[in-house]
Amino acid sequence: VAEYEALAKAGGQILGRGIKEVITVNGVRVALDDGSWVLVRASSNKPEIVVVVESTRSEDDMRALFRDEVKPRLAAHPEVGAYNQEI
């Protein structure tokens, strides 16, 4: 949450898109200026992290948002273990 809030406050971008809004209810949802968004939150019934990515551009862009933004950011935290599935 803090990383995305700091990125937004600094005027940062995600894959060349501005951050329109950071919503911190039930995890962190980062809305981008083109309508795409990423959500990282705790699972409500398992000891896992749930990641949801939506792109207004294409399926390839949705995959890029996960691969090039969310996955490296989570990988910087060793307490996040192996994925049980990926897109």
Protein backbone atom coordinates (compact mmCIF):
# COMPACT_ATOMS: atom_id res chain seq x y z
CA VAL A 1 0.00 0.00 0.00
CA ALA A 2 2.69 2.48 1.05
CA GLU A 3 4.72 1.90 -2.12
CA TYR A 4 1.81 2.69 -4.42
CA GLU A 5 0.76 5.69 -2.32
CA ALA A 6 4.31 7.07 -2.49
CA LEU A 7 4.50 6.42 -6.24
CA ALA A 8 1.23 8.27 -6.81
CA LYS A 9 2.25 11.17 -4.56
CA ALA A 10 5.53 11.54 -6.49
CA GLY A 11 3.65 11.69 -9.80
CA GLY A 12 5.00 8.31 -10.82
CA GLN A 13 3.72 6.21 -13.65
CA ILE A 14 3.02 2.56 -14.30
CA LEU A 15 4.02 1.41 -17.78
CA GLY A 16 3.81 4.98 -19.03
CA ARG A 17 0.41 5.70 -17.52
CA GLY A 18 -0.33 8.15 -14.76
CA ILE A 19 -1.85 6.99 -11.51
CA LYS A 20 -5.36 8.40 -11.27
CA GLU A 21 -6.24 7.06 -7.82
CA VAL A 22 -5.00 4.72 -5.10
CA ILE A 23 -7.80 3.05 -3.14
CA THR A 24 -6.75 1.31 0.07
CA VAL A 25 -9.98 -0.41 1.07
CA ASN A 26 -9.37 -4.18 1.19
CA GLY A 27 -5.77 -4.02 -0.06
CA VAL A 28 -4.58 -1.56 -2.66
CA ARG A 29 -6.24 -0.80 -5.98
CA VAL A 30 -4.32 1.46 -8.34
CA ALA A 31 -6.46 3.07 -11.02
CA LEU A 32 -4.55 4.32 -14.05
CA ASP A 33 -5.42 7.27 -16.23
CA ASP A 34 -6.50 5.04 -19.15
CA GLY A 35 -9.03 3.14 -17.00
CA SER A 36 -6.82 0.10 -16.42
CA TRP A 37 -6.16 -0.98 -12.84
CA VAL A 38 -4.31 -3.40 -10.58
CA LEU A 39 -5.49 -4.77 -7.25
CA VAL A 40 -3.37 -6.51 -4.62
CA ARG A 41 -5.14 -7.77 -1.51
CA ALA A 42 -5.15 -10.54 1.06
CA SER A 43 -7.40 -13.51 0.35
CA SER A 44 -10.47 -13.60 2.55
CA ASN A 45 -10.31 -17.36 3.13
CA LYS A 46 -6.72 -18.52 2.51
CA PRO A 47 -3.25 -17.36 3.58
CA GLU A 48 -2.59 -15.98 0.10
CA ILE A 49 -2.36 -12.73 -1.81
CA VAL A 50 -4.89 -12.11 -4.56
CA VAL A 51 -3.85 -10.09 -7.61
CA VAL A 52 -6.36 -8.82 -10.16
CA VAL A 53 -5.31 -6.86 -13.24
CA GLU A 54 -7.60 -5.23 -15.78
CA SER A 55 -6.53 -3.41 -18.94
CA THR A 56 -8.60 -1.22 -21.21
CA ARG A 57 -6.08 -1.80 -23.99
CA SER A 58 -5.61 -5.52 -24.58
CA GLU A 59 -5.02 -8.91 -23.01
CA ASP A 60 -1.31 -8.52 -23.77
CA ASP A 61 -1.30 -5.23 -21.87
CA MET A 62 -3.06 -6.87 -18.93
CA ARG A 63 -0.34 -9.51 -18.87
CA ALA A 64 2.34 -6.80 -19.08
CA LEU A 65 0.84 -4.96 -16.11
CA PHE A 66 1.20 -8.14 -14.07
CA ARG A 67 4.57 -9.24 -15.45
CA ASP A 68 6.29 -5.84 -15.52
CA GLU A 69 4.65 -4.04 -12.58
CA VAL A 70 2.99 -6.24 -9.98
CA LYS A 71 5.23 -9.31 -10.09
CA PRO A 72 8.55 -7.43 -9.68
CA ARG A 73 7.10 -5.27 -6.91
CA LEU A 74 5.94 -8.34 -4.98
CA ALA A 75 9.25 -10.13 -5.67
CA ALA A 76 11.05 -7.34 -3.78
CA HIS A 77 9.38 -8.67 -0.62
CA PRO A 78 10.85 -12.05 0.38
CA GLU A 79 7.91 -12.72 2.69
CA VAL A 80 5.76 -13.18 -0.42
CA GLY A 81 6.24 -16.82 -1.33
CA ALA A 82 5.80 -18.76 -4.52
CA TYR A 83 2.73 -18.24 -6.69
CA ASN A 84 0.16 -21.02 -6.82
CA GLN A 85 -1.01 -19.75 -10.22
CA GLU A 86 -0.20 -17.03 -12.76
CA ILE A 87 -1.85 -15.50 -15.77
